[in-house]
Structure formats: structure tokens, C-alpha cells
Amino acid sequence: MKRNNLKERIFTVVAGLFIISLSLYFYEITKSKQAVLETGNEAKVRVTKISHGKGTIKSIHVEFNDKEYKAGEAFGTYNDVSIGDSISILYKPGIEYVVLKGKKTYLNTIIFEYIIIALGGLFVLLGVFYKGKESKANKNTIIGPIIEGKNDTVEPEEIKKQIVLAYRKDKQKVTRIIEELLIAKDSRVESVFDALFENHCFSSHEFITSFRKVLQLYLKKQEQIYLDVIKVFVTSEQVENKENHNKVKNLIESSSELSPKVKSELLLLL
């Protein structure tokens, strides 16, 4: 899960940087055109090319200093120009863009580009700092060490005690975390179940209910992680209870979706 989360965060940062760089590129173009608009010189030029969109002129190209430029989108009287017509443009030495005379401002475009740059920055910040729901759950429970994988300096028996204490303190919260780990296909959920079963934390009803959920997940997803968790159930101390044993056995035997091989393997373990 952590690896997948890291990939998502890296992708988010890269996407944000791409958005920022692309927006800055277009922003520099727009800023240059705004500078031409504000302080440019006027020149008469010939229309060399016209591109159309939905029956109207979309943009006008002109020849200036023996080079063709895109002068911008047509507006007002420019909607009626033809190739070869003479029109007025604004230019500024040192800037590789020309602007149709009469254009009022590029301010709206600049504001829009600022917004996109800010959006890219938000993506970068999310990728760097946001750790997702799993992290939030980890911080709000005493079984954080096992969920976060910070077990190098903690003895296995101590970890089991932490899990059991957490479950007895707030059963609903730990149950939600177990469900999150199952959905995330996090193999550490096996250790959580193992600790709870070893200390007989589940009532018979809770044990069977949890087993049904995991069995349904396996039948739906057909993934090894869920089969491994099922094996934790069928080899646990709590399944030694006659009622639990019989119910688990019946659920396995009555499941038509379990392959004969898997069914045989589980019954042997049971």
C-alpha cells in the first residue's frame, strides 16, 4: 500500500510540475503580447493566411519583415478581412509576436494562466505533503506501529499487546482500520487478526461475521491476500471452539464458488 501511495504522490508532483511549466510557457507568450499591446509600434501589413472556425474567421496571419506571424484571433471588423488585405498591427523590437491593432487587453488570459499555475502548485503540495486516509487512520490509533510498518524496534509480542489493547479500548475504530487494510490488500492485516484471535478478542458471532466478509472478498476478487487471511482464520485458536469450527467448515463446504483445490486445502488446515 505504501509503495502504491508513493507512486501516486510522485505522479501528482510530476503532473503539477508539468502544469506549472506549460502554464508558465504560455504565460510568457501572453505577457509579451500584452507588452506589445501597451508600448508597441504600429505597422501596415498584408494578410497572408486566415483560419476559419464554425463559419467565422478564427485567426489571422500576416507578413511582417519578410516573416509570417499569427496576429491573433479576429474581432470586430477583422472578421471581414480577406487574404491580401492590408491591416494594422502592433509590434515591438525584440519580441517575436505581433498583435492586431484595436485589441484591448490580454488581462483575462493572464488571470486564467495564474489560476492554472496555482492549480499546478496545489498538485505539487498535495503530492509532497498529503499522505491520504491511511495515514490519518494510523495517527488516530495505538496500533499505528503495525499499520505504519514501524516494527523494527518493537518485539512481536509487544505489538500483539498493542493491538489487543487498542481493540479492547475502541473496538469500532480498530474494526474500521481492519476493513481499510482488507480493502487496501495490505498483508499486515494478517498480523492484526492473528493477535486478536490468539487473545480470543472476538465473540463467536464476530468471528463468523469477519470470516464471512473475508471469504466474500476472496470469492469476489480471487486474490491471494484474502486467501492468506482465510488461512489465519482456519488455523486460529478461536476456530477450535466447536461452534466456530462447525460454522467455518459449513461455510467452506457450502461455497460453490471455491475451487475444489482451495476448498480441500482449507478443510485440511481446519
C-alpha atoms as a PDB file:
ATOM      1  CA  MET A   1       0.000   0.000   0.000  1.00  0.00           C
ATOM      2  CA  LYS A   2       2.804   2.378   0.918  1.00  0.00           C
ATOM      3  CA  ARG A   3       4.510   1.758  -2.415  1.00  0.00           C
ATOM      4  CA  ASN A   4       1.315   2.470  -4.327  1.00  0.00           C
ATOM      5  CA  ASN A   5       0.764   5.622  -2.272  1.00  0.00           C
ATOM      6  CA  LEU A   6       4.311   6.798  -3.047  1.00  0.00           C
ATOM      7  CA  LYS A   7       3.748   6.237  -6.784  1.00  0.00           C
ATOM      8  CA  GLU A   8       0.537   8.271  -6.629  1.00  0.00           C
ATOM      9  CA  ARG A   9       2.295  11.104  -4.808  1.00  0.00           C
ATOM     10  CA  ILE A  10       5.191  11.141  -7.296  1.00  0.00           C
ATOM     11  CA  PHE A  11       2.710  11.172 -10.194  1.00  0.00           C
ATOM     12  CA  THR A  12       0.824  14.080  -8.552  1.00  0.00           C
ATOM     13  CA  VAL A  13       4.043  16.087  -8.115  1.00  0.00           C
ATOM     14  CA  VAL A  14       5.153  15.414 -11.714  1.00  0.00           C
ATOM     15  CA  ALA A  15       1.690  16.341 -13.032  1.00  0.00           C
ATOM     16  CA  GLY A  16       1.766  19.557 -11.007  1.00  0.00           C
ATOM     17  CA  LEU A  17       5.230  20.495 -12.285  1.00  0.00           C
ATOM     18  CA  PHE A  18       4.129  19.775 -15.869  1.00  0.00           C
ATOM     19  CA  ILE A  19       1.058  22.008 -15.456  1.00  0.00           C
ATOM     20  CA  ILE A  20       3.201  24.783 -13.969  1.00  0.00           C
ATOM     21  CA  SER A  21       5.873  24.611 -16.691  1.00  0.00           C
ATOM     22  CA  LEU A  22       3.323  24.528 -19.518  1.00  0.00           C
ATOM     23  CA  SER A  23       1.332  27.382 -17.996  1.00  0.00           C
ATOM     24  CA  LEU A  24       4.481  29.466 -17.492  1.00  0.00           C
ATOM     25  CA  TYR A  25       5.375  28.930 -21.159  1.00  0.00           C
ATOM     26  CA  PHE A  26       2.014  30.279 -22.312  1.00  0.00           C
ATOM     27  CA  TYR A  27       2.110  32.997 -19.651  1.00  0.00           C
ATOM     28  CA  GLU A  28       5.411  34.336 -21.063  1.00  0.00           C
ATOM     29  CA  ILE A  29       3.828  34.462 -24.531  1.00  0.00           C
ATOM     30  CA  THR A  30       0.758  36.286 -23.221  1.00  0.00           C
ATOM     31  CA  LYS A  31       2.916  38.713 -21.204  1.00  0.00           C
ATOM     32  CA  SER A  32       4.947  39.504 -24.335  1.00  0.00           C
ATOM     33  CA  LYS A  33       1.785  40.190 -26.329  1.00  0.00           C
ATOM     34  CA  GLN A  34       0.491  42.443 -23.539  1.00  0.00           C
ATOM     35  CA  ALA A  35       3.776  44.393 -23.669  1.00  0.00           C
ATOM     36  CA  VAL A  36       3.373  44.817 -27.447  1.00  0.00           C
ATOM     37  CA  LEU A  37      -0.200  45.973 -26.875  1.00  0.00           C
ATOM     38  CA  GLU A  38       0.853  48.580 -24.309  1.00  0.00           C
ATOM     39  CA  THR A  39       4.016  50.013 -25.882  1.00  0.00           C
ATOM     40  CA  GLY A  40       4.206  48.624 -29.428  1.00  0.00           C
ATOM     41  CA  ASN A  41       4.638  50.475 -32.715  1.00  0.00           C
ATOM     42  CA  GLU A  42       2.035  50.444 -35.466  1.00  0.00           C
ATOM     43  CA  ALA A  43       2.688  48.948 -38.905  1.00  0.00           C
ATOM     44  CA  LYS A  44       0.643  48.213 -42.017  1.00  0.00           C
ATOM     45  CA  VAL A  45       0.889  44.576 -43.123  1.00  0.00           C
ATOM     46  CA  ARG A  46      -0.670  42.171 -45.615  1.00  0.00           C
ATOM     47  CA  VAL A  47      -2.909  39.275 -44.587  1.00  0.00           C
ATOM     48  CA  THR A  48      -1.316  36.025 -45.764  1.00  0.00           C
ATOM     49  CA  LYS A  49      -3.482  33.354 -44.224  1.00  0.00           C
ATOM     50  CA  ILE A  50      -6.850  33.025 -42.494  1.00  0.00           C
ATOM     51  CA  SER A  51      -8.009  30.068 -40.441  1.00  0.00           C
ATOM     52  CA  HIS A  52     -11.747  29.516 -40.051  1.00  0.00           C
ATOM     53  CA  GLY A  53     -13.855  28.011 -37.310  1.00  0.00           C
ATOM     54  CA  LYS A  54     -17.611  27.328 -37.462  1.00  0.00           C
ATOM     55  CA  GLY A  55     -18.132  29.682 -40.409  1.00  0.00           C
ATOM     56  CA  THR A  56     -16.227  32.637 -38.978  1.00  0.00           C
ATOM     57  CA  ILE A  57     -12.615  33.755 -39.122  1.00  0.00           C
ATOM     58  CA  LYS A  58     -10.761  32.279 -36.185  1.00  0.00           C
ATOM     59  CA  SER A  59      -7.276  33.740 -36.550  1.00  0.00           C
ATOM     60  CA  ILE A  60      -5.323  35.988 -38.920  1.00  0.00           C
ATOM     61  CA  HIS A  61      -1.750  35.517 -40.156  1.00  0.00           C
ATOM     62  CA  VAL A  62       0.242  38.419 -41.585  1.00  0.00           C
ATOM     63  CA  GLU A  63       3.578  39.055 -43.255  1.00  0.00           C
ATOM     64  CA  PHE A  64       5.898  41.424 -41.418  1.00  0.00           C
ATOM     65  CA  ASN A  65       9.634  41.951 -42.102  1.00  0.00           C
ATOM     66  CA  ASP A  66       9.579  39.048 -44.582  1.00  0.00           C
ATOM     67  CA  LYS A  67       8.269  36.669 -41.923  1.00  0.00           C
ATOM     68  CA  GLU A  68       4.810  35.278 -41.287  1.00  0.00           C
ATOM     69  CA  TYR A  69       3.223  35.897 -37.881  1.00  0.00           C
ATOM     70  CA  LYS A  70      -0.018  34.843 -36.283  1.00  0.00           C
ATOM     71  CA  ALA A  71      -1.546  38.200 -35.389  1.00  0.00           C
ATOM     72  CA  GLY A  72      -4.279  36.748 -33.210  1.00  0.00           C
ATOM     73  CA  GLU A  73      -7.962  35.900 -33.168  1.00  0.00           C
ATOM     74  CA  ALA A  74     -10.246  38.009 -35.321  1.00  0.00           C
ATOM     75  CA  PHE A  75     -12.630  40.505 -33.718  1.00  0.00           C
ATOM     76  CA  GLY A  76     -14.848  43.329 -34.894  1.00  0.00           C
ATOM     77  CA  THR A  77     -14.075  44.457 -38.448  1.00  0.00           C
ATOM     78  CA  TYR A  78     -11.283  41.902 -38.710  1.00  0.00           C
ATOM     79  CA  ASN A  79     -13.992  39.239 -39.164  1.00  0.00           C
ATOM     80  CA  ASP A  80     -14.484  40.541 -42.717  1.00  0.00           C
ATOM     81  CA  VAL A  81     -10.862  40.610 -43.926  1.00  0.00           C
ATOM     82  CA  SER A  82      -9.590  38.520 -46.823  1.00  0.00           C
ATOM     83  CA  ILE A  83      -6.187  37.245 -47.868  1.00  0.00           C
ATOM     84  CA  GLY A  84      -4.200  40.086 -49.403  1.00  0.00           C
ATOM     85  CA  ASP A  85      -5.967  42.825 -47.434  1.00  0.00           C
ATOM     86  CA  SER A  86      -3.900  45.446 -45.664  1.00  0.00           C
ATOM     87  CA  ILE A  87      -4.441  45.750 -41.900  1.00  0.00           C
ATOM     88  CA  SER A  88      -2.737  47.432 -38.921  1.00  0.00           C
ATOM     89  CA  ILE A  89      -0.755  45.531 -36.334  1.00  0.00           C
ATOM     90  CA  LEU A  90       1.375  46.436 -33.327  1.00  0.00           C
ATOM     91  CA  TYR A  91       4.928  45.195 -32.956  1.00  0.00           C
ATOM     92  CA  LYS A  92       7.851  45.736 -30.594  1.00  0.00           C
ATOM     93  CA  PRO A  93      11.533  45.174 -31.442  1.00  0.00           C
ATOM     94  CA  GLY A  94      12.955  42.188 -29.594  1.00  0.00           C
ATOM     95  CA  ILE A  95       9.571  40.481 -29.159  1.00  0.00           C
ATOM     96  CA  GLU A  96       8.651  37.702 -31.550  1.00  0.00           C
ATOM     97  CA  TYR A  97       4.915  38.393 -31.509  1.00  0.00           C
ATOM     98  CA  VAL A  98       2.611  40.885 -33.206  1.00  0.00           C
ATOM     99  CA  VAL A  99      -0.875  41.949 -32.159  1.00  0.00           C
ATOM    100  CA  LEU A 100      -3.880  43.183 -34.132  1.00  0.00           C
ATOM    101  CA  LYS A 101      -4.400  46.896 -33.594  1.00  0.00           C
ATOM    102  CA  GLY A 102      -7.530  47.507 -31.557  1.00  0.00           C
ATOM    103  CA  LYS A 103      -7.063  44.547 -29.233  1.00  0.00           C
ATOM    104  CA  LYS A 104      -7.932  45.855 -25.763  1.00  0.00           C
ATOM    105  CA  THR A 105      -6.128  43.595 -23.307  1.00  0.00           C
ATOM    106  CA  TYR A 106      -4.853  40.104 -22.503  1.00  0.00           C
ATOM    107  CA  LEU A 107      -5.645  40.552 -18.797  1.00  0.00           C
ATOM    108  CA  ASN A 108      -8.324  37.830 -18.688  1.00  0.00           C
ATOM    109  CA  THR A 109      -5.921  35.346 -20.265  1.00  0.00           C
ATOM    110  CA  ILE A 110      -3.182  36.294 -17.792  1.00  0.00           C
ATOM    111  CA  ILE A 111      -5.552  35.814 -14.825  1.00  0.00           C
ATOM    112  CA  PHE A 112      -6.603  32.420 -16.178  1.00  0.00           C
ATOM    113  CA  GLU A 113      -2.955  31.387 -16.538  1.00  0.00           C
ATOM    114  CA  TYR A 114      -2.261  32.495 -12.960  1.00  0.00           C
ATOM    115  CA  ILE A 115      -5.104  30.241 -11.799  1.00  0.00           C
ATOM    116  CA  ILE A 116      -3.711  27.257 -13.730  1.00  0.00           C
ATOM    117  CA  ILE A 117      -0.214  27.875 -12.303  1.00  0.00           C
ATOM    118  CA  ALA A 118      -1.736  27.964  -8.791  1.00  0.00           C
ATOM    119  CA  LEU A 119      -3.574  24.726  -9.534  1.00  0.00           C
ATOM    120  CA  GLY A 120      -0.291  23.104 -10.570  1.00  0.00           C
ATOM    121  CA  GLY A 121       1.273  24.351  -7.334  1.00  0.00           C
ATOM    122  CA  LEU A 122      -1.580  22.782  -5.382  1.00  0.00           C
ATOM    123  CA  PHE A 123      -0.902  19.444  -7.092  1.00  0.00           C
ATOM    124  CA  VAL A 124       2.757  19.666  -6.078  1.00  0.00           C
ATOM    125  CA  LEU A 125       1.869  20.480  -2.457  1.00  0.00           C
ATOM    126  CA  LEU A 126      -0.630  17.616  -2.327  1.00  0.00           C
ATOM    127  CA  GLY A 127       1.948  15.194  -3.691  1.00  0.00           C
ATOM    128  CA  VAL A 128       4.583  16.319  -1.188  1.00  0.00           C
ATOM    129  CA  PHE A 129       2.531  16.668   1.983  1.00  0.00           C
ATOM    130  CA  TYR A 130      -0.744  14.726   1.670  1.00  0.00           C
ATOM    131  CA  LYS A 131      -0.453  11.125   2.852  1.00  0.00           C
ATOM    132  CA  GLY A 132      -4.045  10.061   2.374  1.00  0.00           C
ATOM    133  CA  LYS A 133      -6.685   8.444   4.544  1.00  0.00           C
ATOM    134  CA  GLU A 134      -4.491   5.592   5.632  1.00  0.00           C
ATOM    135  CA  SER A 135      -2.082   7.975   7.333  1.00  0.00           C
ATOM    136  CA  LYS A 136      -4.920   9.714   9.157  1.00  0.00           C
ATOM    137  CA  ALA A 137      -6.191   6.396  10.457  1.00  0.00           C
ATOM    138  CA  ASN A 138      -2.706   5.452  11.568  1.00  0.00           C
ATOM    139  CA  LYS A 139      -2.276   8.593  13.668  1.00  0.00           C
ATOM    140  CA  ASN A 140      -5.574   8.079  15.460  1.00  0.00           C
ATOM    141  CA  THR A 141      -4.907   4.625  16.882  1.00  0.00           C
ATOM    142  CA  ILE A 142      -2.441   2.906  19.177  1.00  0.00           C
ATOM    143  CA  ILE A 143      -1.882   0.159  16.640  1.00  0.00           C
ATOM    144  CA  GLY A 144      -0.134   2.724  14.446  1.00  0.00           C
ATOM    145  CA  PRO A 145       3.246   0.903  14.695  1.00  0.00           C
ATOM    146  CA  ILE A 146       1.990  -2.200  12.900  1.00  0.00           C
ATOM    147  CA  ILE A 147      -0.020  -0.292  10.300  1.00  0.00           C
ATOM    148  CA  GLU A 148       2.805   2.109   9.522  1.00  0.00           C
ATOM    149  CA  GLY A 149       5.327  -0.729   9.473  1.00  0.00           C
ATOM    150  CA  LYS A 150       7.468   0.810  12.238  1.00  0.00           C
ATOM    151  CA  ASN A 151       8.134  -2.506  13.955  1.00  0.00           C
ATOM    152  CA  ASP A 152      11.923  -2.742  13.718  1.00  0.00           C
ATOM    153  CA  THR A 153      12.446  -1.781  17.351  1.00  0.00           C
ATOM    154  CA  VAL A 154       9.279  -3.367  18.760  1.00  0.00           C
ATOM    155  CA  GLU A 155       9.099  -7.007  19.819  1.00  0.00           C
ATOM    156  CA  PRO A 156       6.359  -9.062  18.115  1.00  0.00           C
ATOM    157  CA  GLU A 157       4.747  -9.874  21.453  1.00  0.00           C
ATOM    158  CA  GLU A 158       4.630  -6.178  22.345  1.00  0.00           C
ATOM    159  CA  ILE A 159       2.966  -5.439  19.005  1.00  0.00           C
ATOM    160  CA  LYS A 160       0.313  -8.064  19.743  1.00  0.00           C
ATOM    161  CA  LYS A 161      -0.332  -6.480  23.128  1.00  0.00           C
ATOM    162  CA  GLN A 162      -0.759  -3.074  21.484  1.00  0.00           C
ATOM    163  CA  ILE A 163      -3.276  -4.471  19.008  1.00  0.00           C
ATOM    164  CA  VAL A 164      -5.282  -6.237  21.724  1.00  0.00           C
ATOM    165  CA  LEU A 165      -5.279  -3.150  23.961  1.00  0.00           C
ATOM    166  CA  ALA A 166      -6.377  -0.967  21.059  1.00  0.00           C
ATOM    167  CA  TYR A 167      -9.216  -3.351  20.191  1.00  0.00           C
ATOM    168  CA  ARG A 168     -10.446  -3.510  23.779  1.00  0.00           C
ATOM    169  CA  LYS A 169     -10.225   0.273  24.102  1.00  0.00           C
ATOM    170  CA  ASP A 170     -12.038   1.119  20.864  1.00  0.00           C
ATOM    171  CA  LYS A 171     -13.419  -1.898  19.052  1.00  0.00           C
ATOM    172  CA  GLN A 172     -15.206   0.109  16.342  1.00  0.00           C
ATOM    173  CA  LYS A 173     -12.120   2.111  15.383  1.00  0.00           C
ATOM    174  CA  VAL A 174      -9.890  -0.967  15.084  1.00  0.00           C
ATOM    175  CA  THR A 175     -12.614  -2.751  13.114  1.00  0.00           C
ATOM    176  CA  ARG A 176     -12.691   0.162  10.640  1.00  0.00           C
ATOM    177  CA  ILE A 177      -8.909   0.018  10.301  1.00  0.00           C
ATOM    178  CA  ILE A 178      -9.060  -3.740   9.672  1.00  0.00           C
ATOM    179  CA  GLU A 179     -11.608  -3.114   6.901  1.00  0.00           C
ATOM    180  CA  GLU A 180      -9.351  -0.439   5.380  1.00  0.00           C
ATOM    181  CA  LEU A 181      -6.395  -2.829   5.414  1.00  0.00           C
ATOM    182  CA  LEU A 182      -8.501  -5.532   3.753  1.00  0.00           C
ATOM    183  CA  ILE A 183      -9.704  -3.171   1.037  1.00  0.00           C
ATOM    184  CA  ALA A 184      -6.124  -1.959   0.541  1.00  0.00           C
ATOM    185  CA  LYS A 185      -4.949  -5.601   0.229  1.00  0.00           C
ATOM    186  CA  ASP A 186      -2.396  -4.911   2.962  1.00  0.00           C
ATOM    187  CA  SER A 187      -0.856  -8.165   4.209  1.00  0.00           C
ATOM    188  CA  ARG A 188      -0.300  -6.657   7.662  1.00  0.00           C
ATOM    189  CA  VAL A 189      -3.967  -7.339   8.359  1.00  0.00           C
ATOM    190  CA  GLU A 190      -2.935 -10.980   8.935  1.00  0.00           C
ATOM    191  CA  SER A 191      -0.874  -9.925  11.967  1.00  0.00           C
ATOM    192  CA  VAL A 192      -3.797  -7.927  13.344  1.00  0.00           C
ATOM    193  CA  PHE A 193      -6.202 -10.866  13.064  1.00  0.00           C
ATOM    194  CA  ASP A 194      -3.589 -13.258  14.444  1.00  0.00           C
ATOM    195  CA  ALA A 195      -3.092 -11.133  17.568  1.00  0.00           C
ATOM    196  CA  LEU A 196      -6.837 -10.759  18.152  1.00  0.00           C
ATOM    197  CA  PHE A 197      -7.533 -14.458  17.661  1.00  0.00           C
ATOM    198  CA  GLU A 198      -4.666 -15.502  19.917  1.00  0.00           C
ATOM    199  CA  ASN A 199      -6.204 -13.448  22.721  1.00  0.00           C
ATOM    200  CA  HIS A 200      -9.786 -14.572  21.952  1.00  0.00           C
ATOM    201  CA  CYS A 201     -10.926 -10.998  21.412  1.00  0.00           C
ATOM    202  CA  PHE A 202     -13.755 -11.934  19.040  1.00  0.00           C
ATOM    203  CA  SER A 203     -17.054 -13.349  20.175  1.00  0.00           C
ATOM    204  CA  SER A 204     -18.320 -16.318  18.197  1.00  0.00           C
ATOM    205  CA  HIS A 205     -20.656 -14.019  16.239  1.00  0.00           C
ATOM    206  CA  GLU A 206     -17.856 -11.528  15.463  1.00  0.00           C
ATOM    207  CA  PHE A 207     -15.516 -14.322  14.399  1.00  0.00           C
ATOM    208  CA  ILE A 208     -18.002 -15.829  11.946  1.00  0.00           C
ATOM    209  CA  THR A 209     -19.108 -12.422  10.650  1.00  0.00           C
ATOM    210  CA  SER A 210     -15.493 -11.450   9.943  1.00  0.00           C
ATOM    211  CA  PHE A 211     -14.800 -14.801   8.311  1.00  0.00           C
ATOM    212  CA  ARG A 212     -17.814 -14.358   6.012  1.00  0.00           C
ATOM    213  CA  LYS A 213     -16.568 -10.907   4.956  1.00  0.00           C
ATOM    214  CA  VAL A 214     -13.087 -12.154   4.120  1.00  0.00           C
ATOM    215  CA  LEU A 215     -14.498 -15.194   2.307  1.00  0.00           C
ATOM    216  CA  GLN A 216     -16.756 -12.937   0.218  1.00  0.00           C
ATOM    217  CA  LEU A 217     -13.789 -10.704  -0.635  1.00  0.00           C
ATOM    218  CA  TYR A 218     -11.809 -13.706  -1.820  1.00  0.00           C
ATOM    219  CA  LEU A 219     -14.694 -15.068  -3.891  1.00  0.00           C
ATOM    220  CA  LYS A 220     -15.210 -11.659  -5.476  1.00  0.00           C
ATOM    221  CA  LYS A 221     -11.564 -10.699  -6.064  1.00  0.00           C
ATOM    222  CA  GLN A 222      -9.828 -14.110  -6.235  1.00  0.00           C
ATOM    223  CA  GLU A 223      -6.657 -12.577  -4.791  1.00  0.00           C
ATOM    224  CA  GLN A 224      -4.034 -14.399  -2.728  1.00  0.00           C
ATOM    225  CA  ILE A 225      -4.061 -11.844   0.110  1.00  0.00           C
ATOM    226  CA  TYR A 226      -7.638 -12.784   1.011  1.00  0.00           C
ATOM    227  CA  LEU A 227      -6.898 -16.496   0.859  1.00  0.00           C
ATOM    228  CA  ASP A 228      -3.962 -15.944   3.221  1.00  0.00           C
ATOM    229  CA  VAL A 229      -6.255 -14.150   5.667  1.00  0.00           C
ATOM    230  CA  ILE A 230      -8.772 -17.005   5.441  1.00  0.00           C
ATOM    231  CA  LYS A 231      -5.943 -19.380   6.421  1.00  0.00           C
ATOM    232  CA  VAL A 232      -5.310 -17.241   9.507  1.00  0.00           C
ATOM    233  CA  PHE A 233      -8.942 -17.833  10.463  1.00  0.00           C
ATOM    234  CA  VAL A 234      -8.963 -21.589   9.887  1.00  0.00           C
ATOM    235  CA  THR A 235      -5.707 -22.130  11.803  1.00  0.00           C
ATOM    236  CA  SER A 236      -6.501 -19.771  14.697  1.00  0.00           C
ATOM    237  CA  GLU A 237      -7.171 -20.742  18.291  1.00  0.00           C
ATOM    238  CA  GLN A 238     -10.681 -19.321  18.060  1.00  0.00           C
ATOM    239  CA  VAL A 239     -11.682 -21.844  15.421  1.00  0.00           C
ATOM    240  CA  GLU A 240     -11.018 -24.590  17.951  1.00  0.00           C
ATOM    241  CA  ASN A 241     -14.294 -23.579  19.535  1.00  0.00           C
ATOM    242  CA  LYS A 242     -16.753 -26.241  18.370  1.00  0.00           C
ATOM    243  CA  GLU A 243     -19.399 -23.741  17.279  1.00  0.00           C
ATOM    244  CA  ASN A 244     -16.891 -21.680  15.305  1.00  0.00           C
ATOM    245  CA  HIS A 245     -15.313 -24.800  13.814  1.00  0.00           C
ATOM    246  CA  ASN A 246     -18.606 -26.186  12.552  1.00  0.00           C
ATOM    247  CA  LYS A 247     -19.790 -22.860  11.109  1.00  0.00           C
ATOM    248  CA  VAL A 248     -16.483 -22.209   9.321  1.00  0.00           C
ATOM    249  CA  LYS A 249     -16.483 -25.743   7.951  1.00  0.00           C
ATOM    250  CA  ASN A 250     -20.057 -25.377   6.681  1.00  0.00           C
ATOM    251  CA  LEU A 251     -19.275 -22.057   5.023  1.00  0.00           C
ATOM    252  CA  ILE A 252     -16.299 -23.572   3.217  1.00  0.00           C
ATOM    253  CA  GLU A 253     -18.121 -26.730   2.164  1.00  0.00           C
ATOM    254  CA  SER A 254     -21.245 -24.892   1.030  1.00  0.00           C
ATOM    255  CA  SER A 255     -19.355 -22.360  -1.080  1.00  0.00           C
ATOM    256  CA  SER A 256     -19.858 -23.462  -4.685  1.00  0.00           C
ATOM    257  CA  GLU A 257     -17.533 -20.712  -5.914  1.00  0.00           C
ATOM    258  CA  LEU A 258     -14.481 -22.074  -4.099  1.00  0.00           C
ATOM    259  CA  SER A 259     -12.347 -24.256  -6.348  1.00  0.00           C
ATOM    260  CA  PRO A 260     -12.045 -27.915  -5.222  1.00  0.00           C
ATOM    261  CA  LYS A 261      -8.314 -27.417  -4.682  1.00  0.00           C
ATOM    262  CA  VAL A 262      -8.734 -24.397  -2.398  1.00  0.00           C
ATOM    263  CA  LYS A 263     -11.654 -25.973  -0.592  1.00  0.00           C
ATOM    264  CA  SER A 264      -9.654 -29.149   0.067  1.00  0.00           C
ATOM    265  CA  GLU A 265      -6.640 -27.124   1.264  1.00  0.00           C
ATOM    266  CA  LEU A 266      -8.729 -25.120   3.727  1.00  0.00           C
ATOM    267  CA  LEU A 267     -10.556 -28.151   5.091  1.00  0.00           C
ATOM    268  CA  LEU A 268      -7.218 -29.884   5.688  1.00  0.00           C
ATOM    269  CA  LEU A 269      -5.961 -26.869   7.633  1.00  0.00           C
ATOM    270  CA  LEU A 270      -9.200 -26.803   9.596  1.00  0.00           C
END
